[in-house]
Protein backbone atom coordinates (compact mmCIF):
# COMPACT_ATOMS: atom_id res chain seq x y z
CA MET A 1 0.00 0.00 0.00
CA SER A 2 1.32 3.44 -0.89
CA LEU A 3 1.90 5.73 2.09
CA LYS A 4 -0.16 8.45 0.46
CA TRP A 5 -3.31 6.43 1.15
CA ILE A 6 -2.55 6.12 4.90
CA SER A 7 -4.19 8.92 6.89
CA THR A 8 -2.28 10.92 9.50
CA LYS A 9 -4.80 9.66 12.07
CA THR A 10 -3.82 6.07 11.31
CA ILE A 11 -0.12 6.90 11.52
CA GLY A 12 -0.65 8.70 14.82
CA SER A 13 -2.58 5.78 16.31
CA THR A 14 0.09 3.28 15.25
CA VAL A 15 2.88 5.35 16.84
CA ALA A 16 0.91 5.63 20.10
CA VAL A 17 0.41 1.86 20.27
CA LEU A 18 4.07 1.14 19.59
CA LEU A 19 5.17 3.57 22.28
CA ALA A 20 2.75 2.03 24.75
CA ILE A 21 4.12 -1.48 24.31
CA GLY A 22 7.71 -0.33 24.28
CA THR A 23 8.64 -1.60 20.83
CA LEU A 24 9.64 1.76 19.36
CA GLY A 25 13.34 2.05 19.99
CA VAL A 26 13.89 5.47 18.44
CA VAL A 27 11.26 8.15 17.98
CA GLN A 28 11.26 9.25 14.33
CA PRO A 29 10.51 12.86 13.32
CA ALA A 30 6.90 13.56 12.33
CA LYS A 31 6.06 12.94 8.69
CA ALA A 32 5.56 16.17 6.74
CA VAL A 33 2.04 17.08 5.66
CA VAL A 34 1.48 16.24 2.00
CA ASP A 35 1.39 19.36 -0.19
CA CYS A 36 1.06 18.74 -3.90
CA THR A 37 0.04 22.24 -5.00
CA GLY A 38 3.37 22.80 -6.73
CA ALA A 39 3.69 19.32 -8.24
CA THR A 40 4.13 19.15 -12.01
CA SER A 41 4.57 15.39 -12.26
CA ASP A 42 3.90 12.29 -10.16
CA THR A 43 6.04 11.67 -7.09
CA ASP A 44 5.97 9.11 -4.29
CA THR A 45 3.42 11.24 -2.45
CA CYS A 46 1.66 13.16 -5.23
CA THR A 47 -0.48 12.19 -8.22
CA VAL A 48 -0.96 14.82 -10.93
CA LEU A 49 -4.39 14.40 -12.51
CA SER A 50 -4.54 16.11 -15.90
CA ILE A 51 -7.87 17.65 -17.00
CA ASN A 52 -8.47 19.14 -20.44
CA THR A 53 -11.49 21.40 -20.45
CA PHE A 54 -12.99 24.62 -21.82
CA GLY A 55 -14.76 27.59 -20.24
CA ASP A 56 -15.66 27.06 -16.60
CA VAL A 57 -16.60 23.38 -16.58
CA ILE A 58 -14.21 22.84 -13.66
CA GLU A 59 -14.81 25.52 -11.03
CA PRO A 60 -12.03 26.80 -8.72
CA ALA A 61 -13.91 26.59 -5.40
CA LEU A 62 -14.53 22.88 -5.98
CA VAL A 63 -10.88 22.39 -6.91
CA THR A 64 -9.99 23.88 -3.50
CA ASP A 65 -12.48 21.59 -1.77
CA TYR A 66 -11.05 18.53 -3.47
CA ARG A 67 -7.51 19.54 -2.55
CA LYS A 68 -8.55 19.58 1.12
CA LEU A 69 -10.13 16.15 0.82
CA HIS A 70 -7.26 14.71 -1.21
CA PRO A 71 -4.01 16.59 -0.64
CA GLU A 72 -2.23 13.79 -2.48
CA ILE A 73 -4.00 14.75 -5.74
CA LYS A 74 -2.93 17.74 -7.85
CA LEU A 75 -5.57 18.76 -10.41
CA SER A 76 -3.69 20.06 -13.43
CA ILE A 77 -6.31 21.91 -15.48
CA LYS A 78 -5.70 22.96 -19.08
CA LYS A 79 -8.29 25.09 -20.84
CA SER A 80 -8.57 25.30 -24.60
CA ASP A 81 -11.04 26.32 -27.29
CA LEU A 82 -14.09 24.07 -27.52
CA ASP A 83 -13.44 23.02 -31.10
CA ALA A 84 -9.72 22.60 -30.58
CA LEU A 85 -10.37 20.21 -27.70
CA ASN A 86 -13.44 18.27 -28.90
CA GLY A 87 -13.07 18.53 -32.65
CA THR A 88 -9.34 18.18 -33.14
CA GLY A 89 -7.30 17.31 -30.06
CA LEU A 90 -9.23 14.31 -28.73
CA TYR A 91 -9.75 12.88 -32.19
CA THR A 92 -6.04 13.11 -33.03
CA GLN A 93 -5.12 11.52 -29.71
CA CYS A 94 -7.59 8.69 -30.20
CA ALA A 95 -6.26 8.00 -33.70
CA ALA A 96 -2.80 7.76 -32.15
CA GLY A 97 -3.98 5.05 -29.77
CA GLY A 98 -4.57 7.42 -26.86
CA ALA A 99 -1.14 9.04 -26.98
CA GLY A 100 -1.28 12.44 -25.31
CA ASN A 101 -4.65 11.79 -23.68
CA PRO A 102 -5.40 13.65 -20.44
CA ASP A 103 -6.86 11.80 -17.48
CA ILE A 104 -10.16 13.65 -17.87
CA ALA A 105 -11.60 15.48 -20.89
CA ALA A 106 -14.74 17.63 -21.08
CA VAL A 107 -17.00 16.93 -24.07
CA GLU A 108 -19.59 19.59 -24.99
CA ILE A 109 -23.15 18.57 -25.94
CA SER A 110 -22.75 19.69 -29.54
CA TYR A 111 -20.00 17.08 -29.90
CA SER A 112 -21.76 14.37 -27.90
CA GLY A 113 -23.36 12.78 -30.97
CA PHE A 114 -19.96 12.63 -32.65
CA TRP A 115 -18.19 10.95 -29.74
CA ARG A 116 -21.01 8.50 -29.12
CA ALA A 117 -19.97 7.00 -32.47
CA TYR A 118 -16.41 6.48 -31.14
CA PRO A 119 -16.83 4.90 -27.70
CA GLN A 120 -13.56 3.05 -28.19
CA CYS A 121 -11.79 6.35 -27.55
CA PHE A 122 -12.94 6.37 -23.92
CA VAL A 123 -13.07 4.19 -20.83
CA ASP A 124 -16.46 2.52 -20.36
CA LEU A 125 -17.41 3.98 -16.98
CA ARG A 126 -19.57 0.95 -16.21
CA THR A 127 -16.30 -0.90 -15.65
CA MET A 128 -14.99 1.59 -13.08
CA ARG A 129 -15.59 1.44 -9.33
CA THR A 130 -15.15 4.33 -6.91
CA THR A 131 -12.57 3.86 -4.16
CA VAL A 132 -15.22 4.93 -1.64
CA GLY A 133 -18.59 3.25 -2.07
CA ASN A 134 -17.57 0.89 -4.89
CA LYS A 135 -19.89 2.64 -7.39
CA SER A 136 -19.87 2.35 -11.17
CA ALA A 137 -21.63 4.51 -13.75
CA THR A 138 -24.53 2.05 -13.63
CA ASP A 139 -25.03 2.91 -9.96
CA LEU A 140 -24.92 6.65 -10.65
CA LYS A 141 -27.32 6.71 -13.60
CA LYS A 142 -30.43 7.21 -11.45
CA ASP A 143 -29.05 10.52 -10.15
CA TYR A 144 -29.18 12.32 -13.53
CA LEU A 145 -31.74 13.57 -16.03
CA SER A 146 -32.28 10.66 -18.40
CA TRP A 147 -31.93 12.75 -21.57
CA ARG A 148 -28.69 14.32 -20.32
CA TRP A 149 -27.35 10.90 -19.36
CA GLU A 150 -27.87 9.69 -22.93
CA HIS A 151 -25.43 12.33 -24.22
CA GLY A 152 -22.69 10.23 -22.62
CA VAL A 153 -23.77 6.79 -23.81
CA GLY A 154 -21.96 5.32 -26.82
CA TYR A 155 -23.74 3.59 -29.65
CA ASN A 156 -22.49 0.30 -28.19
CA ASP A 157 -24.14 1.20 -24.83
CA ALA A 158 -20.80 2.00 -23.18
CA VAL A 159 -21.04 4.92 -20.76
CA ILE A 160 -18.35 7.33 -21.91
CA GLY A 161 -19.26 10.45 -19.92
CA ILE A 162 -21.17 11.76 -16.91
CA PRO A 163 -23.34 14.93 -17.25
CA THR A 164 -22.14 18.19 -15.78
CA ASP A 165 -24.74 20.96 -15.97
CA VAL A 166 -27.89 21.71 -17.93
CA GLY A 167 -27.60 24.95 -19.89
CA GLY A 168 -31.16 26.08 -19.11
CA LEU A 169 -31.75 29.23 -21.16
CA GLU A 170 -33.45 32.44 -20.01
CA VAL A 171 -32.78 36.17 -20.65
CA ALA A 172 -30.52 38.47 -18.65
CA TYR A 173 -31.43 42.13 -19.01
CA ARG A 174 -30.53 45.54 -17.62
CA TRP A 175 -33.68 46.59 -15.80
CA ASP A 176 -32.20 50.03 -15.07
CA LEU A 177 -31.86 50.77 -18.79
CA PHE A 178 -35.38 49.52 -19.50
CA LYS A 179 -36.70 51.83 -16.79
CA LYS A 180 -34.63 54.73 -18.11
CA TYR A 181 -36.32 54.44 -21.50
CA GLY A 182 -39.82 54.00 -20.14
CA LEU A 183 -40.13 50.30 -20.99
CA PRO A 184 -41.49 47.49 -18.78
CA TYR A 185 -38.66 46.59 -16.39
CA LYS A 186 -40.08 44.32 -13.69
CA ARG A 187 -39.25 40.70 -14.51
CA ASP A 188 -42.84 39.42 -14.67
CA ASP A 189 -43.89 42.32 -16.86
CA VAL A 190 -40.89 41.83 -19.13
CA SER A 191 -41.57 38.11 -19.47
CA LYS A 192 -45.16 38.83 -20.51
CA ALA A 193 -44.13 41.61 -22.89
CA TRP A 194 -41.90 39.30 -24.97
CA ASN A 195 -43.47 35.87 -24.54
CA THR A 196 -43.08 35.21 -28.28
CA TRP A 197 -40.08 35.84 -30.51
CA SER A 198 -41.96 38.35 -32.65
CA LYS A 199 -42.83 40.32 -29.50
CA PHE A 200 -39.19 40.07 -28.41
CA ILE A 201 -38.08 41.64 -31.68
CA ASP A 202 -40.76 44.35 -31.35
CA PHE A 203 -39.57 45.05 -27.80
CA GLY A 204 -36.07 45.44 -29.17
CA LYS A 205 -37.24 47.82 -31.90
CA ASN A 206 -39.01 49.91 -29.27
CA TYR A 207 -35.79 50.03 -27.23
CA MET A 208 -33.79 51.07 -30.28
CA SER A 209 -36.25 53.89 -30.96
CA LYS A 210 -35.33 55.43 -27.61
CA LEU A 211 -31.63 55.66 -28.48
CA SER A 212 -30.02 58.76 -29.91
CA ALA A 213 -28.37 58.84 -33.32
CA SER A 214 -24.98 59.05 -31.63
CA ASP A 215 -25.78 55.97 -29.54
CA LYS A 216 -26.62 53.98 -32.64
CA LYS A 217 -23.50 55.26 -34.39
CA ALA A 218 -21.49 54.02 -31.39
CA ASN A 219 -22.97 50.52 -31.95
CA ILE A 220 -25.16 50.63 -28.85
CA GLY A 221 -28.12 48.31 -29.14
CA PHE A 222 -30.85 46.28 -27.52
CA MET A 223 -29.12 42.90 -27.41
CA ASP A 224 -25.53 41.78 -27.73
CA ASN A 225 -25.73 39.56 -30.81
CA VAL A 226 -28.81 38.32 -32.67
CA GLY A 227 -26.92 35.20 -33.78
CA THR A 228 -27.68 33.69 -30.37
CA ILE A 229 -31.37 33.55 -31.29
CA TYR A 230 -30.78 30.75 -33.81
CA PRO A 231 -29.76 28.00 -31.33
CA ALA A 232 -32.34 29.27 -28.83
CA VAL A 233 -35.25 28.84 -31.25
CA LEU A 234 -33.79 25.63 -32.67
CA ASN A 235 -33.62 24.04 -29.24
CA GLN A 236 -37.27 24.87 -28.53
CA GLY A 237 -38.39 22.28 -31.05
CA THR A 238 -38.58 18.53 -30.54
CA GLU A 239 -36.05 17.82 -33.32
CA LYS A 240 -33.08 19.65 -34.83
CA TYR A 241 -30.86 18.05 -37.43
CA TYR A 242 -31.63 14.43 -36.56
CA ARG A 243 -34.67 12.30 -35.87
CA ASN A 244 -34.58 9.53 -33.30
CA ASN A 245 -35.65 6.64 -35.52
CA GLY A 246 -34.69 3.90 -33.10
CA THR A 247 -31.18 3.52 -34.44
CA ASP A 248 -28.04 4.70 -32.70
CA GLN A 249 -27.06 7.16 -35.43
CA GLY A 250 -30.55 8.58 -35.99
CA GLN A 251 -31.91 9.95 -39.26
CA LEU A 252 -30.62 13.23 -40.74
CA ILE A 253 -33.55 15.62 -41.25
CA PHE A 254 -31.93 19.08 -41.30
CA LYS A 255 -32.97 19.63 -44.93
CA THR A 256 -36.66 19.17 -44.21
CA ASN A 257 -37.13 20.04 -40.54
CA LYS A 258 -39.27 23.21 -40.38
CA GLN A 259 -37.75 24.14 -37.01
CA VAL A 260 -34.39 24.76 -38.70
CA LYS A 261 -36.00 27.23 -41.13
CA THR A 262 -38.00 28.84 -38.32
CA ALA A 263 -34.86 29.38 -36.25
CA PHE A 264 -33.03 30.78 -39.29
CA ASP A 265 -35.86 33.13 -40.29
CA THR A 266 -36.37 34.39 -36.73
CA THR A 267 -32.68 35.23 -36.46
CA ILE A 268 -32.68 37.01 -39.81
CA ALA A 269 -35.78 38.99 -38.78
CA ALA A 270 -33.99 40.18 -35.65
CA SER A 271 -30.91 41.06 -37.68
CA LYS A 272 -32.90 43.08 -40.24
CA ALA A 273 -34.70 44.86 -37.37
CA GLY A 274 -31.30 46.13 -36.25
CA ILE A 275 -31.76 45.26 -32.60
CA GLY A 276 -28.31 43.72 -32.07
CA THR A 277 -24.87 45.29 -31.69
CA ARG A 278 -23.10 42.66 -33.82
CA ILE A 279 -20.40 42.39 -31.16
CA GLY A 280 -18.91 38.91 -31.10
CA GLN A 281 -19.57 36.97 -27.92
CA PHE A 282 -16.54 36.37 -25.70
CA SER A 283 -14.63 39.15 -27.47
CA SER A 284 -12.97 41.98 -25.53
CA ASP A 285 -15.61 44.45 -26.79
CA TRP A 286 -18.36 42.13 -25.55
CA ASN A 287 -16.79 41.92 -22.11
CA VAL A 288 -16.46 45.70 -21.88
CA GLY A 289 -19.99 46.16 -23.24
CA MET A 290 -21.49 44.38 -20.23
CA SER A 291 -20.13 47.09 -17.95
CA LYS A 292 -20.77 50.08 -20.21
CA GLY A 293 -24.37 49.28 -21.09
CA THR A 294 -23.51 48.84 -24.75
CA PHE A 295 -26.34 46.33 -24.83
CA ALA A 296 -29.21 45.67 -22.44
CA VAL A 297 -30.09 42.06 -23.20
CA MET A 298 -28.26 38.73 -23.44
CA LEU A 299 -29.76 35.30 -23.91
CA SER A 300 -28.42 33.70 -20.78
CA PRO A 301 -27.95 30.02 -20.05
CA ALA A 302 -27.53 29.53 -16.31
CA TRP A 303 -23.74 29.42 -16.61
CA MET A 304 -23.71 32.89 -18.20
CA MET A 305 -24.70 34.51 -14.90
CA ASP A 306 -21.25 33.95 -13.44
CA TYR A 307 -19.63 35.27 -16.60
CA ILE A 308 -21.58 38.53 -16.32
CA LYS A 309 -20.57 38.87 -12.68
CA GLY A 310 -16.93 38.38 -13.58
CA GLN A 311 -16.89 40.84 -16.46
CA ALA A 312 -19.16 43.54 -15.06
CA PRO A 313 -18.89 43.55 -11.24
CA GLY A 314 -19.82 47.23 -11.12
CA THR A 315 -23.29 46.48 -12.49
CA LYS A 316 -24.39 44.46 -9.47
CA GLY A 317 -28.13 44.85 -8.90
CA LYS A 318 -28.74 46.39 -12.33
CA TRP A 319 -29.38 43.06 -14.08
CA ASP A 320 -32.42 40.82 -13.79
CA ILE A 321 -33.58 37.51 -15.32
CA ALA A 322 -36.77 37.13 -17.39
CA ASP A 323 -38.31 34.15 -19.16
CA ILE A 324 -37.07 33.35 -22.62
CA PRO A 325 -39.60 33.90 -25.45
CA GLY A 326 -41.31 30.73 -26.57
CA GLY A 327 -40.88 28.98 -23.22
CA GLY A 328 -37.95 26.81 -22.20
CA GLY A 329 -34.57 26.49 -23.75
CA ASN A 330 -31.14 24.97 -23.46
CA GLN A 331 -27.66 26.07 -24.45
CA GLY A 332 -24.57 24.20 -23.44
CA GLY A 333 -23.75 21.46 -20.99
CA SER A 334 -21.02 18.86 -21.15
CA GLN A 335 -19.89 15.41 -20.06
CA LEU A 336 -16.73 14.53 -18.14
CA THR A 337 -14.97 11.59 -19.76
CA ILE A 338 -11.90 9.43 -19.15
CA PRO A 339 -10.04 9.02 -22.45
CA LYS A 340 -8.69 5.55 -23.20
CA GLY A 341 -5.06 6.64 -22.83
CA ALA A 342 -5.54 8.20 -19.38
CA LYS A 343 -2.69 7.44 -17.00
CA HIS A 344 -4.69 7.74 -13.78
CA LYS A 345 -8.06 6.16 -14.53
CA GLN A 346 -8.97 5.33 -10.93
CA GLU A 347 -8.16 8.79 -9.60
CA ALA A 348 -10.05 10.31 -12.53
CA TRP A 349 -13.17 8.26 -11.79
CA ASP A 350 -13.03 9.14 -8.10
CA PHE A 351 -12.88 12.85 -8.96
CA ILE A 352 -15.65 12.76 -11.59
CA SER A 353 -18.06 10.84 -9.35
CA TRP A 354 -17.40 13.31 -6.51
CA TYR A 355 -17.46 16.50 -8.58
CA LEU A 356 -20.74 15.69 -10.35
CA ALA A 357 -22.63 14.37 -7.32
CA PRO A 358 -25.76 16.37 -6.30
CA ASP A 359 -24.11 18.05 -3.29
CA GLN A 360 -21.31 19.48 -5.40
CA GLN A 361 -23.67 20.45 -8.24
CA LEU A 362 -25.76 22.48 -5.77
CA LYS A 363 -22.69 24.32 -4.57
CA VAL A 364 -21.55 25.00 -8.14
CA PHE A 365 -24.96 26.49 -8.95
CA GLN A 366 -24.98 28.73 -5.89
CA LEU A 367 -21.44 29.97 -6.54
CA TYR A 368 -21.27 30.00 -10.33
CA GLY A 369 -24.77 29.50 -11.74
CA LEU A 370 -24.20 26.19 -13.54
CA PHE A 371 -27.60 24.51 -13.38
CA PRO A 372 -27.58 20.94 -11.98
CA SER A 373 -28.18 17.87 -14.13
CA THR A 374 -29.31 16.02 -10.98
CA PRO A 375 -33.14 16.34 -10.70
CA SER A 376 -33.23 15.42 -7.02
CA LEU A 377 -32.21 19.05 -6.43
CA TYR A 378 -35.16 20.51 -8.35
CA THR A 379 -37.30 20.40 -5.22
CA ASP A 380 -34.49 21.28 -2.81
CA PRO A 381 -35.25 24.61 -1.03
CA ASP A 382 -31.56 25.52 -1.30
CA LEU A 383 -31.93 25.47 -5.09
CA VAL A 384 -35.57 26.46 -5.71
CA GLY A 385 -35.43 29.22 -3.10
CA TYR A 386 -32.08 30.62 -4.19
CA LYS A 387 -32.07 34.35 -5.00
CA ASP A 388 -29.14 36.19 -6.50
CA PRO A 389 -28.45 39.75 -5.28
CA PHE A 390 -26.37 40.51 -8.37
CA PHE A 391 -29.47 39.95 -10.49
CA ASN A 392 -31.76 42.21 -8.43
CA ASN A 393 -32.54 39.33 -6.05
CA ALA A 394 -34.17 37.39 -8.87
CA PRO A 395 -35.31 33.92 -7.77
CA VAL A 396 -32.92 32.37 -10.25
CA GLY A 397 -33.30 28.90 -8.77
CA LYS A 398 -37.03 28.79 -9.47
CA ILE A 399 -36.70 30.57 -12.83
CA TYR A 400 -34.22 28.04 -14.18
CA VAL A 401 -35.99 25.04 -12.63
CA ASP A 402 -39.22 26.07 -14.35
CA GLY A 403 -37.39 26.59 -17.63
CA VAL A 404 -35.61 23.25 -17.53
CA LYS A 405 -38.89 21.46 -16.84
CA LYS A 406 -40.21 22.83 -20.14
CA LEU A 407 -37.31 21.38 -22.10
CA LYS A 408 -38.01 18.72 -24.69
CA PRO A 409 -35.14 16.23 -25.13
CA ILE A 410 -33.60 16.46 -28.59
CA PHE A 411 -31.61 13.72 -30.32
CA GLU A 412 -28.02 14.86 -30.95
CA GLY A 413 -26.30 13.22 -33.94
CA LYS A 414 -22.75 12.77 -35.14
CA LEU A 415 -22.58 15.84 -37.42
CA GLN A 416 -24.31 18.23 -34.99
CA ARG A 417 -21.46 20.69 -34.53
CA CYS A 418 -20.52 20.77 -38.20
CA ILE A 419 -24.09 21.56 -39.26
CA ASP A 420 -24.35 24.25 -36.58
CA MET A 421 -21.29 26.00 -37.97
CA ALA A 422 -22.57 25.79 -41.56
CA MET A 423 -25.88 27.40 -40.62
CA GLY A 424 -24.12 30.02 -38.48
CA SER A 425 -21.99 31.01 -41.46
CA ALA A 426 -25.13 31.35 -43.59
CA ILE A 427 -26.68 33.71 -41.02
CA SER A 428 -23.48 35.77 -41.03
CA LEU A 429 -23.75 36.24 -44.79
CA VAL A 430 -27.01 38.13 -44.34
CA ALA A 431 -26.01 39.93 -41.13
CA ASN A 432 -22.81 41.23 -42.76
CA GLY A 433 -24.57 42.30 -45.94
CA LYS A 434 -22.82 39.77 -48.18
CA GLU A 435 -26.12 38.17 -49.19
CA LYS A 436 -29.36 40.17 -49.34
CA ASP A 437 -31.61 37.24 -50.15
CA SER A 438 -32.06 35.27 -46.93
CA ASN A 439 -33.53 32.31 -48.80
CA LYS A 440 -30.35 32.02 -50.87
CA ALA A 441 -28.30 32.23 -47.68
CA PHE A 442 -30.38 29.47 -46.11
CA ALA A 443 -29.95 27.29 -49.20
CA LYS A 444 -26.18 27.79 -49.02
CA GLY A 445 -26.19 26.85 -45.34
CA ILE A 446 -28.06 23.63 -46.10
CA ALA A 447 -25.71 22.86 -49.01
CA ASP A 448 -22.64 23.43 -46.84
CA ALA A 449 -24.15 21.32 -44.06
CA ASP A 450 -24.68 18.57 -46.59
CA LYS A 451 -20.89 18.42 -47.02
CA CYS A 452 -20.31 17.62 -43.34
CA LYS A 453 -18.77 14.23 -42.72
């Protein structure tokens, strides 16, 4: 047994017994407390667990908690671009037989359909057992939303990932700016005022009419970027690009699914109405715009709340959360996986099963806004009753619970991300004035999506 698994309490008790019976000839100096915070590679007392992720899938407060529980484990976290990690890096590593694999990799929902077709690239988590409790993925399944669980199940039924959060989608808005311009600003009134997407666009046009010519010239607008409307509307349907036809791969339907055209047309309508700033999300201008009031509205999955807090701390109390038009929505979410070439599979499984348990998911929501994928919390007063002072004491727990309950599970297929990018490029053609005929732009998007493989 490695000494790093022996607690200091056990060591202390053993020394006391030996002293009592007189068998300890020489008293040895006390063993130093394990501190692996500076470790860059494995040692006799430290294990460095490598995690490749994106965004804020792995939150710092929970990293600190785990360090206290397991001082012998160093979590080495590497963040990269979503597509670089899921679309290039993991695939290249798998093709190389797992060479270069981290111990844990985050897989985003838009790539889940792709990776479900390559379960051989990951450890089947049904074969793993936690050090404490002896639990496999089969034992944990009951704790998660069934439709989120399926995002991590390979086409051969192997469990390749455990769900992190649910990206329940609502709308974050600057109530102070709405009030300034004489618009409805109380959250219930706002939700009623834009309960359909056409009303949302009209609300935006009304807001724009209150701005001065200099404001508009300075690219100040109602919402940050109208491109975010496309996935929001798309995810309010029951199908996107695939139909669940009883097969693992599903049936491609993006060419004929009316919801795809509805999402496209709604986005184009918002673009032509001129209600967006056309600032790219996650750009430096976008970050600054949150503080300066460059825009008053952002479609906000639960995880976006923490991002707003981080980028615009001076706006505390000026934001609020209203219902998304159309009712219910989802954007984002991921699975934590153990790639086949992982060096520390056991330690990885122990961390994943701890980090994604209901208790930790509740804490992550309260600190960072990531909405739990564990439905046992949806009636927990600590979640449902949670109010956020940054967002004008909005009952964000109840708002996002209600929104998630309206979600309709959608089958995610292998080419999901590729098709998304093709349609996004088609929307950009119209938004940037490179194509005036939106129907031609849509046809090009479909044609480009048809080339995905």
